[in-house]
Amino acid sequence: MEYRLYHGQSEYLSLQSAHKDIDRKKSNTNIQVLVLNADTLTPQQILDTVSSQDLFSSERIILLKRVYRNKNKDDFLTEITTILKTSSSSDYIIFWEDQKIKANTKYYKFFKENDAITESNKLDKRTFFTWLKEELKEQGLKIQNTATRLLAERTNYDPERCSNELKKLKLVIKDNEITRTDVDSLISDTLEKDIWNLIDAINTKDTEESTKILEKLISQNIDTNYIISMLTRNLRLITLTKYLLEDSCSTGNIAKTLKVPPFTVPSLMNSSKKYSNKKIKMLYTKMSNLDYQIKKGLIEPNLGITLLSSIL
């Protein structure tokens, strides 16, 4: 009996790897595939399925999802590993966990000792592009060099979202080649929209909304340094708006001078009236200190940006 554990920090990538494994196994044979939500079944139901034989199929693939979340897992893990070691069945049992299993657990050690474990970690910007190259190949797609980074940015370096966007693009593009124009016109820049919404909420002193948006950005693993740079830019625009208003500049001239969309000027004007010169200097100091502390590893970035947003 074959078996393998798929787990890791990236729930999407580990499940994707498990499904690719299943597809490879069943590509040239008539194999029955069973999928069980092992977190909600009784130990006996799982054991009965694994140890039983199908009368109409000589080989099965059984995908057991979230075994480690089963509250009674300790009652049957020892028994199921015994079955895996001793059974002469030709079945292939795949264990998929929506979390990273600790290396010091018996569960992990069993698969590790038998070289039957695949771990999928979260991607950083470098590894995302490596993954993207393979994903394009898997989907039979090509992409222009100028479109690659834009695609990554538009999908926030999120493999699940990127994979879904590639499937949508495949339906409309020509010759299976993605151009920069395709990405620009067909994939919305939700990150930019969320950043502007965050800034607008901060400018209007809507603390509840700004907290909600910031939590969303953090959950999407948006680079904290990028958020800080955008907030710093906003403070700079507020400061410049303050000086331009003192020179009696019109709304149109402010937009032209700052090179910002006209619809953003009213919130900048309102904020500039609420921010005294003393507060602006204090906020610049706070942002500079936070940037220094993050780069020196003195504060956790997400905590720092959350604390900063509360005083903006």
C-alpha atoms as a PDB file:
ATOM      1  CA  MET A   1       0.000   0.000   0.000  1.00  0.00           C
ATOM      2  CA  GLU A   2       1.352   3.399  -1.009  1.00  0.00           C
ATOM      3  CA  TYR A   3       0.769   6.511   1.077  1.00  0.00           C
ATOM      4  CA  ARG A   4       1.892  10.120   1.320  1.00  0.00           C
ATOM      5  CA  LEU A   5       1.323  13.178   3.539  1.00  0.00           C
ATOM      6  CA  TYR A   6       0.830  16.647   2.050  1.00  0.00           C
ATOM      7  CA  HIS A   7       0.997  19.557   4.475  1.00  0.00           C
ATOM      8  CA  GLY A   8       2.591  22.961   5.009  1.00  0.00           C
ATOM      9  CA  GLN A   9       2.026  26.644   5.644  1.00  0.00           C
ATOM     10  CA  SER A  10       0.318  27.096   2.280  1.00  0.00           C
ATOM     11  CA  GLU A  11      -3.027  25.308   2.349  1.00  0.00           C
ATOM     12  CA  TYR A  12      -3.672  26.020  -1.331  1.00  0.00           C
ATOM     13  CA  LEU A  13      -0.288  24.800  -2.595  1.00  0.00           C
ATOM     14  CA  SER A  14      -0.331  21.611  -0.530  1.00  0.00           C
ATOM     15  CA  LEU A  15      -3.825  20.695  -1.773  1.00  0.00           C
ATOM     16  CA  GLN A  16      -2.784  21.570  -5.322  1.00  0.00           C
ATOM     17  CA  SER A  17       0.208  19.202  -5.012  1.00  0.00           C
ATOM     18  CA  ALA A  18      -2.050  16.428  -3.708  1.00  0.00           C
ATOM     19  CA  HIS A  19      -4.459  16.821  -6.628  1.00  0.00           C
ATOM     20  CA  LYS A  20      -1.600  16.834  -9.138  1.00  0.00           C
ATOM     21  CA  ASP A  21      -0.391  13.593  -7.585  1.00  0.00           C
ATOM     22  CA  ILE A  22      -3.866  12.099  -7.985  1.00  0.00           C
ATOM     23  CA  ASP A  23      -4.052  13.227 -11.620  1.00  0.00           C
ATOM     24  CA  ARG A  24      -0.692  11.625 -12.395  1.00  0.00           C
ATOM     25  CA  LYS A  25      -1.767   8.325 -10.807  1.00  0.00           C
ATOM     26  CA  LYS A  26      -5.083   8.050 -12.607  1.00  0.00           C
ATOM     27  CA  SER A  27      -4.036   9.477 -15.996  1.00  0.00           C
ATOM     28  CA  ASN A  28      -3.615   6.133 -17.770  1.00  0.00           C
ATOM     29  CA  THR A  29      -5.657   3.766 -15.603  1.00  0.00           C
ATOM     30  CA  ASN A  30      -9.230   3.320 -14.464  1.00  0.00           C
ATOM     31  CA  ILE A  31      -8.718   4.004 -10.764  1.00  0.00           C
ATOM     32  CA  GLN A  32     -11.504   4.774  -8.324  1.00  0.00           C
ATOM     33  CA  VAL A  33     -10.942   8.004  -6.352  1.00  0.00           C
ATOM     34  CA  LEU A  34     -12.514   8.448  -2.913  1.00  0.00           C
ATOM     35  CA  VAL A  35     -12.392  11.756  -1.024  1.00  0.00           C
ATOM     36  CA  LEU A  36     -13.135  11.714   2.710  1.00  0.00           C
ATOM     37  CA  ASN A  37     -13.394  14.659   5.109  1.00  0.00           C
ATOM     38  CA  ALA A  38     -11.554  12.845   7.850  1.00  0.00           C
ATOM     39  CA  ASP A  39     -12.007  15.630  10.405  1.00  0.00           C
ATOM     40  CA  THR A  40     -15.744  14.877  10.687  1.00  0.00           C
ATOM     41  CA  LEU A  41     -15.760  11.066  10.437  1.00  0.00           C
ATOM     42  CA  THR A  42     -15.440   8.586  13.277  1.00  0.00           C
ATOM     43  CA  PRO A  43     -12.158   6.666  13.553  1.00  0.00           C
ATOM     44  CA  GLN A  44     -13.964   3.450  12.677  1.00  0.00           C
ATOM     45  CA  GLN A  45     -15.437   4.926   9.477  1.00  0.00           C
ATOM     46  CA  ILE A  46     -11.960   5.939   8.309  1.00  0.00           C
ATOM     47  CA  LEU A  47     -10.397   2.594   9.241  1.00  0.00           C
ATOM     48  CA  ASP A  48     -13.186   0.648   7.546  1.00  0.00           C
ATOM     49  CA  THR A  49     -12.711   2.591   4.310  1.00  0.00           C
ATOM     50  CA  VAL A  50      -8.924   2.242   4.259  1.00  0.00           C
ATOM     51  CA  SER A  51      -8.894  -1.474   5.122  1.00  0.00           C
ATOM     52  CA  SER A  52     -11.806  -2.529   2.897  1.00  0.00           C
ATOM     53  CA  GLN A  53     -11.520  -3.657  -0.731  1.00  0.00           C
ATOM     54  CA  ASP A  54     -13.734  -2.609  -3.628  1.00  0.00           C
ATOM     55  CA  LEU A  55     -15.227  -5.520  -5.595  1.00  0.00           C
ATOM     56  CA  PHE A  56     -15.188  -3.624  -8.885  1.00  0.00           C
ATOM     57  CA  SER A  57     -11.835  -1.872  -8.679  1.00  0.00           C
ATOM     58  CA  SER A  58      -8.435  -3.451  -8.120  1.00  0.00           C
ATOM     59  CA  GLU A  59      -6.853  -0.143  -7.150  1.00  0.00           C
ATOM     60  CA  ARG A  60      -8.111   2.954  -5.368  1.00  0.00           C
ATOM     61  CA  ILE A  61      -6.847   6.411  -4.490  1.00  0.00           C
ATOM     62  CA  ILE A  62      -8.202   7.574  -1.137  1.00  0.00           C
ATOM     63  CA  LEU A  63      -7.756  11.248  -0.222  1.00  0.00           C
ATOM     64  CA  LEU A  64      -8.110  11.765   3.529  1.00  0.00           C
ATOM     65  CA  LYS A  65      -8.546  15.469   4.282  1.00  0.00           C
ATOM     66  CA  ARG A  66      -7.658  17.005   7.651  1.00  0.00           C
ATOM     67  CA  VAL A  67      -7.044  13.812   9.640  1.00  0.00           C
ATOM     68  CA  TYR A  68      -5.076  15.796  12.203  1.00  0.00           C
ATOM     69  CA  ARG A  69      -8.087  17.988  13.003  1.00  0.00           C
ATOM     70  CA  ASN A  70     -10.173  14.987  14.035  1.00  0.00           C
ATOM     71  CA  LYS A  71     -10.762  15.304  17.788  1.00  0.00           C
ATOM     72  CA  ASN A  72     -10.387  11.515  18.141  1.00  0.00           C
ATOM     73  CA  LYS A  73      -7.228  11.220  16.049  1.00  0.00           C
ATOM     74  CA  ASP A  74      -5.223   9.683  18.893  1.00  0.00           C
ATOM     75  CA  ASP A  75      -7.662   6.752  18.949  1.00  0.00           C
ATOM     76  CA  PHE A  76      -6.842   5.578  15.469  1.00  0.00           C
ATOM     77  CA  LEU A  77      -3.553   7.063  14.194  1.00  0.00           C
ATOM     78  CA  THR A  78      -1.550   4.162  15.601  1.00  0.00           C
ATOM     79  CA  GLU A  79      -3.959   1.648  14.073  1.00  0.00           C
ATOM     80  CA  ILE A  80      -4.045   3.323  10.661  1.00  0.00           C
ATOM     81  CA  THR A  81      -0.248   3.549  10.431  1.00  0.00           C
ATOM     82  CA  THR A  82      -0.106  -0.185  11.217  1.00  0.00           C
ATOM     83  CA  ILE A  83      -2.490  -0.863   8.340  1.00  0.00           C
ATOM     84  CA  LEU A  84      -0.356   1.277   6.015  1.00  0.00           C
ATOM     85  CA  LYS A  85       2.790  -0.678   6.941  1.00  0.00           C
ATOM     86  CA  THR A  86       1.346  -4.168   6.748  1.00  0.00           C
ATOM     87  CA  SER A  87      -1.326  -4.096   4.054  1.00  0.00           C
ATOM     88  CA  SER A  88      -0.572  -5.705   0.694  1.00  0.00           C
ATOM     89  CA  SER A  89      -3.291  -3.660  -1.011  1.00  0.00           C
ATOM     90  CA  SER A  90      -2.473  -1.712  -4.192  1.00  0.00           C
ATOM     91  CA  ASP A  91      -4.423   1.319  -2.910  1.00  0.00           C
ATOM     92  CA  TYR A  92      -2.783   4.728  -2.665  1.00  0.00           C
ATOM     93  CA  ILE A  93      -3.698   6.706   0.466  1.00  0.00           C
ATOM     94  CA  ILE A  94      -3.109  10.462   0.400  1.00  0.00           C
ATOM     95  CA  PHE A  95      -3.266  12.418   3.648  1.00  0.00           C
ATOM     96  CA  TRP A  96      -3.810  16.169   3.216  1.00  0.00           C
ATOM     97  CA  GLU A  97      -3.621  18.613   6.103  1.00  0.00           C
ATOM     98  CA  ASP A  98      -4.643  22.288   5.946  1.00  0.00           C
ATOM     99  CA  GLN A  99      -1.792  23.181   8.292  1.00  0.00           C
ATOM    100  CA  LYS A 100       1.884  22.507   8.925  1.00  0.00           C
ATOM    101  CA  ILE A 101       2.321  19.390  11.069  1.00  0.00           C
ATOM    102  CA  LYS A 102       4.981  19.743  13.740  1.00  0.00           C
ATOM    103  CA  ALA A 103       8.114  17.682  13.143  1.00  0.00           C
ATOM    104  CA  ASN A 104       8.139  16.255  16.666  1.00  0.00           C
ATOM    105  CA  THR A 105       4.768  14.485  16.335  1.00  0.00           C
ATOM    106  CA  LYS A 106       4.472  10.718  15.747  1.00  0.00           C
ATOM    107  CA  TYR A 107       2.205  11.470  12.804  1.00  0.00           C
ATOM    108  CA  TYR A 108       4.890  13.519  11.042  1.00  0.00           C
ATOM    109  CA  LYS A 109       7.716  11.166  11.964  1.00  0.00           C
ATOM    110  CA  PHE A 110       5.935   8.140  10.467  1.00  0.00           C
ATOM    111  CA  PHE A 111       5.752   9.718   7.012  1.00  0.00           C
ATOM    112  CA  LYS A 112       9.199  11.315   7.292  1.00  0.00           C
ATOM    113  CA  GLU A 113      10.852   8.003   8.164  1.00  0.00           C
ATOM    114  CA  ASN A 114       9.272   6.432   5.094  1.00  0.00           C
ATOM    115  CA  ASP A 115      10.214   9.369   2.820  1.00  0.00           C
ATOM    116  CA  ALA A 116       6.520   9.937   2.124  1.00  0.00           C
ATOM    117  CA  ILE A 117       5.983  13.596   2.930  1.00  0.00           C
ATOM    118  CA  THR A 118       5.599  16.743   0.824  1.00  0.00           C
ATOM    119  CA  GLU A 119       5.638  20.158   2.477  1.00  0.00           C
ATOM    120  CA  SER A 120       4.372  23.328   0.801  1.00  0.00           C
ATOM    121  CA  ASN A 121       5.553  26.591   2.315  1.00  0.00           C
ATOM    122  CA  LYS A 122       4.184  30.052   1.664  1.00  0.00           C
ATOM    123  CA  LEU A 123       5.761  31.807  -1.289  1.00  0.00           C
ATOM    124  CA  ASP A 124       7.833  34.958  -1.113  1.00  0.00           C
ATOM    125  CA  LYS A 125       8.298  37.187  -4.153  1.00  0.00           C
ATOM    126  CA  ARG A 126      11.255  35.164  -5.444  1.00  0.00           C
ATOM    127  CA  THR A 127       9.655  31.754  -5.060  1.00  0.00           C
ATOM    128  CA  PHE A 128       6.354  33.072  -6.436  1.00  0.00           C
ATOM    129  CA  PHE A 129       7.938  33.629  -9.846  1.00  0.00           C
ATOM    130  CA  THR A 130       9.390  30.110  -9.785  1.00  0.00           C
ATOM    131  CA  TRP A 131       5.926  28.757  -8.996  1.00  0.00           C
ATOM    132  CA  LEU A 132       4.348  30.967 -11.697  1.00  0.00           C
ATOM    133  CA  LYS A 133       6.688  29.593 -14.350  1.00  0.00           C
ATOM    134  CA  GLU A 134       5.588  26.051 -13.519  1.00  0.00           C
ATOM    135  CA  GLU A 135       1.919  27.015 -13.294  1.00  0.00           C
ATOM    136  CA  LEU A 136       2.005  28.605 -16.754  1.00  0.00           C
ATOM    137  CA  LYS A 137       3.559  25.419 -18.104  1.00  0.00           C
ATOM    138  CA  GLU A 138       0.886  23.304 -16.373  1.00  0.00           C
ATOM    139  CA  GLN A 139      -1.897  25.386 -17.935  1.00  0.00           C
ATOM    140  CA  GLY A 140      -0.253  25.458 -21.355  1.00  0.00           C
ATOM    141  CA  LEU A 141       0.221  29.218 -21.330  1.00  0.00           C
ATOM    142  CA  LYS A 142       2.961  31.639 -22.362  1.00  0.00           C
ATOM    143  CA  ILE A 143       3.420  35.158 -21.047  1.00  0.00           C
ATOM    144  CA  GLN A 144       5.277  38.217 -22.299  1.00  0.00           C
ATOM    145  CA  ASN A 145       8.120  39.331 -20.036  1.00  0.00           C
ATOM    146  CA  THR A 146       6.531  42.740 -19.538  1.00  0.00           C
ATOM    147  CA  ALA A 147       3.330  41.103 -18.268  1.00  0.00           C
ATOM    148  CA  THR A 148       4.869  38.770 -15.687  1.00  0.00           C
ATOM    149  CA  ARG A 149       5.539  41.282 -12.907  1.00  0.00           C
ATOM    150  CA  LEU A 150       2.264  43.110 -13.523  1.00  0.00           C
ATOM    151  CA  LEU A 151       0.378  39.812 -13.177  1.00  0.00           C
ATOM    152  CA  ALA A 152       2.185  39.108  -9.892  1.00  0.00           C
ATOM    153  CA  GLU A 153       1.388  42.571  -8.536  1.00  0.00           C
ATOM    154  CA  ARG A 154      -2.256  42.486  -9.633  1.00  0.00           C
ATOM    155  CA  THR A 155      -2.761  39.144  -7.861  1.00  0.00           C
ATOM    156  CA  ASN A 156      -0.834  40.253  -4.749  1.00  0.00           C
ATOM    157  CA  TYR A 157       1.675  37.374  -5.199  1.00  0.00           C
ATOM    158  CA  ASP A 158      -1.134  35.012  -4.138  1.00  0.00           C
ATOM    159  CA  PRO A 159      -0.839  31.639  -5.958  1.00  0.00           C
ATOM    160  CA  GLU A 160      -4.525  30.733  -5.551  1.00  0.00           C
ATOM    161  CA  ARG A 161      -5.758  34.030  -6.933  1.00  0.00           C
ATOM    162  CA  CYS A 162      -3.142  33.985  -9.687  1.00  0.00           C
ATOM    163  CA  SER A 163      -4.102  30.463 -10.736  1.00  0.00           C
ATOM    164  CA  ASN A 164      -7.771  31.457 -10.937  1.00  0.00           C
ATOM    165  CA  GLU A 165      -6.934  34.556 -12.978  1.00  0.00           C
ATOM    166  CA  LEU A 166      -4.857  32.457 -15.394  1.00  0.00           C
ATOM    167  CA  LYS A 167      -7.838  30.160 -15.971  1.00  0.00           C
ATOM    168  CA  LYS A 168     -10.002  33.200 -16.784  1.00  0.00           C
ATOM    169  CA  LEU A 169      -7.366  34.666 -19.110  1.00  0.00           C
ATOM    170  CA  LYS A 170      -7.063  31.349 -20.935  1.00  0.00           C
ATOM    171  CA  LEU A 171     -10.690  31.675 -22.040  1.00  0.00           C
ATOM    172  CA  VAL A 172     -10.203  34.990 -23.843  1.00  0.00           C
ATOM    173  CA  ILE A 173      -6.576  35.417 -24.935  1.00  0.00           C
ATOM    174  CA  LYS A 174      -5.218  34.572 -28.368  1.00  0.00           C
ATOM    175  CA  ASP A 175      -2.697  31.803 -29.058  1.00  0.00           C
ATOM    176  CA  ASN A 176      -2.467  31.031 -25.305  1.00  0.00           C
ATOM    177  CA  GLU A 177      -0.059  33.971 -24.839  1.00  0.00           C
ATOM    178  CA  ILE A 178      -0.714  36.559 -22.142  1.00  0.00           C
ATOM    179  CA  THR A 179       0.239  40.149 -22.965  1.00  0.00           C
ATOM    180  CA  ARG A 180       0.615  43.142 -20.672  1.00  0.00           C
ATOM    181  CA  THR A 181      -2.536  44.587 -22.239  1.00  0.00           C
ATOM    182  CA  ASP A 182      -4.436  41.416 -21.299  1.00  0.00           C
ATOM    183  CA  VAL A 183      -3.373  41.696 -17.651  1.00  0.00           C
ATOM    184  CA  ASP A 184      -3.967  45.447 -17.512  1.00  0.00           C
ATOM    185  CA  SER A 185      -7.466  45.266 -18.966  1.00  0.00           C
ATOM    186  CA  LEU A 186      -8.741  41.989 -17.501  1.00  0.00           C
ATOM    187  CA  ILE A 187      -7.317  41.838 -13.958  1.00  0.00           C
ATOM    188  CA  SER A 188      -8.405  44.574 -11.570  1.00  0.00           C
ATOM    189  CA  ASP A 189      -5.842  46.157  -9.269  1.00  0.00           C
ATOM    190  CA  THR A 190      -7.610  45.426  -5.986  1.00  0.00           C
ATOM    191  CA  LEU A 191      -4.455  46.149  -3.966  1.00  0.00           C
ATOM    192  CA  GLU A 192      -4.296  49.743  -5.187  1.00  0.00           C
ATOM    193  CA  LYS A 193      -8.024  50.125  -4.501  1.00  0.00           C
ATOM    194  CA  ASP A 194      -7.651  48.766  -0.958  1.00  0.00           C
ATOM    195  CA  ILE A 195      -4.706  51.074  -0.253  1.00  0.00           C
ATOM    196  CA  TRP A 196      -6.672  54.119  -1.433  1.00  0.00           C
ATOM    197  CA  ASN A 197      -9.682  53.018   0.643  1.00  0.00           C
ATOM    198  CA  LEU A 198      -7.399  52.697   3.670  1.00  0.00           C
ATOM    199  CA  ILE A 199      -5.978  56.158   3.119  1.00  0.00           C
ATOM    200  CA  ASP A 200      -9.445  57.619   2.582  1.00  0.00           C
ATOM    201  CA  ALA A 201     -10.695  56.015   5.813  1.00  0.00           C
ATOM    202  CA  ILE A 202      -7.696  57.415   7.707  1.00  0.00           C
ATOM    203  CA  ASN A 203      -8.215  60.870   6.207  1.00  0.00           C
ATOM    204  CA  THR A 204     -11.884  60.879   7.212  1.00  0.00           C
ATOM    205  CA  LYS A 205     -11.038  59.546  10.703  1.00  0.00           C
ATOM    206  CA  ASP A 206     -13.093  56.394  10.138  1.00  0.00           C
ATOM    207  CA  THR A 207     -11.146  54.227  12.580  1.00  0.00           C
ATOM    208  CA  GLU A 208     -13.425  51.205  12.270  1.00  0.00           C
ATOM    209  CA  GLU A 209     -13.136  51.123   8.464  1.00  0.00           C
ATOM    210  CA  SER A 210      -9.374  51.746   8.423  1.00  0.00           C
ATOM    211  CA  THR A 211      -8.829  48.912  10.927  1.00  0.00           C
ATOM    212  CA  LYS A 212     -10.945  46.533   8.843  1.00  0.00           C
ATOM    213  CA  ILE A 213      -9.062  47.363   5.619  1.00  0.00           C
ATOM    214  CA  LEU A 214      -5.676  47.109   7.320  1.00  0.00           C
ATOM    215  CA  GLU A 215      -6.567  43.669   8.735  1.00  0.00           C
ATOM    216  CA  LYS A 216      -7.563  42.577   5.216  1.00  0.00           C
ATOM    217  CA  LEU A 217      -4.245  43.767   3.755  1.00  0.00           C
ATOM    218  CA  ILE A 218      -2.289  42.015   6.510  1.00  0.00           C
ATOM    219  CA  SER A 219      -4.245  38.769   5.968  1.00  0.00           C
ATOM    220  CA  GLN A 220      -3.295  38.956   2.261  1.00  0.00           C
ATOM    221  CA  ASN A 221       0.399  39.139   3.256  1.00  0.00           C
ATOM    222  CA  ILE A 222       0.841  42.558   1.637  1.00  0.00           C
ATOM    223  CA  ASP A 223       4.374  43.832   2.202  1.00  0.00           C
ATOM    224  CA  THR A 224       4.291  46.046   5.316  1.00  0.00           C
ATOM    225  CA  ASN A 225       6.975  48.276   3.814  1.00  0.00           C
ATOM    226  CA  TYR A 226       4.667  48.985   0.879  1.00  0.00           C
ATOM    227  CA  ILE A 227       1.807  49.971   3.200  1.00  0.00           C
ATOM    228  CA  ILE A 228       4.136  52.261   5.166  1.00  0.00           C
ATOM    229  CA  SER A 229       5.419  53.875   1.959  1.00  0.00           C
ATOM    230  CA  MET A 230       1.845  54.572   0.822  1.00  0.00           C
ATOM    231  CA  LEU A 231       0.907  56.049   4.202  1.00  0.00           C
ATOM    232  CA  THR A 232       4.048  58.186   4.115  1.00  0.00           C
ATOM    233  CA  ARG A 233       3.107  59.370   0.624  1.00  0.00           C
ATOM    234  CA  ASN A 234      -0.361  60.267   1.894  1.00  0.00           C
ATOM    235  CA  LEU A 235       1.089  62.287   4.767  1.00  0.00           C
ATOM    236  CA  ARG A 236       3.320  64.076   2.269  1.00  0.00           C
ATOM    237  CA  LEU A 237       0.281  64.930   0.113  1.00  0.00           C
ATOM    238  CA  ILE A 238      -1.589  66.226   3.171  1.00  0.00           C
ATOM    239  CA  THR A 239       1.381  68.424   4.074  1.00  0.00           C
ATOM    240  CA  LEU A 240       1.679  69.823   0.550  1.00  0.00           C
ATOM    241  CA  THR A 241      -2.090  70.393   0.381  1.00  0.00           C
ATOM    242  CA  LYS A 242      -1.864  72.355   3.619  1.00  0.00           C
ATOM    243  CA  TYR A 243       0.762  74.675   2.124  1.00  0.00           C
ATOM    244  CA  LEU A 244      -1.131  75.036  -1.163  1.00  0.00           C
ATOM    245  CA  LEU A 245      -4.332  75.982   0.663  1.00  0.00           C
ATOM    246  CA  GLU A 246      -2.399  78.641   2.567  1.00  0.00           C
ATOM    247  CA  ASP A 247      -1.461  80.039  -0.875  1.00  0.00           C
ATOM    248  CA  SER A 248      -5.189  80.046  -1.806  1.00  0.00           C
ATOM    249  CA  CYS A 249      -4.817  77.387  -4.517  1.00  0.00           C
ATOM    250  CA  SER A 250      -8.008  76.021  -6.063  1.00  0.00           C
ATOM    251  CA  THR A 251      -9.013  72.364  -6.011  1.00  0.00           C
ATOM    252  CA  GLY A 252      -8.044  71.990  -9.666  1.00  0.00           C
ATOM    253  CA  ASN A 253      -4.608  73.534  -9.144  1.00  0.00           C
ATOM    254  CA  ILE A 254      -3.985  71.305  -6.103  1.00  0.00           C
ATOM    255  CA  ALA A 255      -4.784  68.185  -8.140  1.00  0.00           C
ATOM    256  CA  LYS A 256      -2.542  69.397 -10.981  1.00  0.00           C
ATOM    257  CA  THR A 257       0.350  70.333  -8.685  1.00  0.00           C
ATOM    258  CA  LEU A 258       0.229  67.104  -6.686  1.00  0.00           C
ATOM    259  CA  LYS A 259      -0.500  64.995  -9.782  1.00  0.00           C
ATOM    260  CA  VAL A 260      -3.390  63.175  -8.103  1.00  0.00           C
ATOM    261  CA  PRO A 261      -6.940  62.420  -9.317  1.00  0.00           C
ATOM    262  CA  PRO A 262      -9.311  65.363  -8.597  1.00  0.00           C
ATOM    263  CA  PHE A 263     -11.663  63.157  -6.567  1.00  0.00           C
ATOM    264  CA  THR A 264      -8.934  62.582  -3.934  1.00  0.00           C
ATOM    265  CA  VAL A 265      -8.428  66.305  -3.262  1.00  0.00           C
ATOM    266  CA  PRO A 266     -11.477  66.911  -0.969  1.00  0.00           C
ATOM    267  CA  SER A 267     -10.330  64.283   1.558  1.00  0.00           C
ATOM    268  CA  LEU A 268      -6.779  65.681   1.418  1.00  0.00           C
ATOM    269  CA  MET A 269      -8.129  69.187   2.039  1.00  0.00           C
ATOM    270  CA  ASN A 270     -10.233  68.033   4.995  1.00  0.00           C
ATOM    271  CA  SER A 271      -7.296  66.172   6.504  1.00  0.00           C
ATOM    272  CA  SER A 272      -4.888  69.065   6.011  1.00  0.00           C
ATOM    273  CA  LYS A 273      -7.202  71.259   8.099  1.00  0.00           C
ATOM    274  CA  LYS A 274      -7.214  68.705  10.932  1.00  0.00           C
ATOM    275  CA  TYR A 275      -3.443  68.086  10.921  1.00  0.00           C
ATOM    276  CA  SER A 276      -1.464  70.778  12.682  1.00  0.00           C
ATOM    277  CA  ASN A 277       2.174  71.349  11.804  1.00  0.00           C
ATOM    278  CA  LYS A 278       3.064  69.848  15.174  1.00  0.00           C
ATOM    279  CA  LYS A 279       1.086  66.653  14.459  1.00  0.00           C
ATOM    280  CA  ILE A 280       2.594  66.323  10.974  1.00  0.00           C
ATOM    281  CA  LYS A 281       6.108  66.495  12.420  1.00  0.00           C
ATOM    282  CA  MET A 282       5.153  63.959  15.091  1.00  0.00           C
ATOM    283  CA  LEU A 283       3.752  61.536  12.483  1.00  0.00           C
ATOM    284  CA  TYR A 284       6.846  61.835  10.284  1.00  0.00           C
ATOM    285  CA  THR A 285       8.951  61.006  13.344  1.00  0.00           C
ATOM    286  CA  LYS A 286       6.737  58.021  14.221  1.00  0.00           C
ATOM    287  CA  MET A 287       6.927  56.656  10.645  1.00  0.00           C
ATOM    288  CA  SER A 288      10.698  57.078  10.498  1.00  0.00           C
ATOM    289  CA  ASN A 289      11.104  55.318  13.851  1.00  0.00           C
ATOM    290  CA  LEU A 290       8.806  52.477  12.798  1.00  0.00           C
ATOM    291  CA  ASP A 291      10.707  52.000   9.543  1.00  0.00           C
ATOM    292  CA  TYR A 292      13.989  51.860  11.503  1.00  0.00           C
ATOM    293  CA  GLN A 293      12.601  49.426  14.118  1.00  0.00           C
ATOM    294  CA  ILE A 294      11.227  47.059  11.450  1.00  0.00           C
ATOM    295  CA  LYS A 295      14.495  47.021   9.512  1.00  0.00           C
ATOM    296  CA  LYS A 296      16.440  46.379  12.715  1.00  0.00           C
ATOM    297  CA  GLY A 297      14.054  43.607  13.750  1.00  0.00           C
ATOM    298  CA  LEU A 298      13.003  45.460  16.911  1.00  0.00           C
ATOM    299  CA  ILE A 299       9.262  45.196  16.247  1.00  0.00           C
ATOM    300  CA  GLU A 300       6.993  42.796  14.363  1.00  0.00           C
ATOM    301  CA  PRO A 301       5.960  44.655  11.149  1.00  0.00           C
ATOM    302  CA  ASN A 302       2.208  43.927  11.308  1.00  0.00           C
ATOM    303  CA  LEU A 303       2.021  44.984  14.957  1.00  0.00           C
ATOM    304  CA  GLY A 304       3.946  48.164  14.179  1.00  0.00           C
ATOM    305  CA  ILE A 305       1.716  49.219  11.283  1.00  0.00           C
ATOM    306  CA  THR A 306      -1.410  48.460  13.334  1.00  0.00           C
ATOM    307  CA  LEU A 307      -0.193  50.661  16.191  1.00  0.00           C
ATOM    308  CA  LEU A 308       0.775  53.416  13.765  1.00  0.00           C
ATOM    309  CA  SER A 309      -2.617  53.436  12.022  1.00  0.00           C
ATOM    310  CA  SER A 310      -4.363  54.005  15.352  1.00  0.00           C
ATOM    311  CA  ILE A 311      -2.759  57.444  15.745  1.00  0.00           C
ATOM    312  CA  LEU A 312      -2.941  58.647  12.130  1.00  0.00           C
END
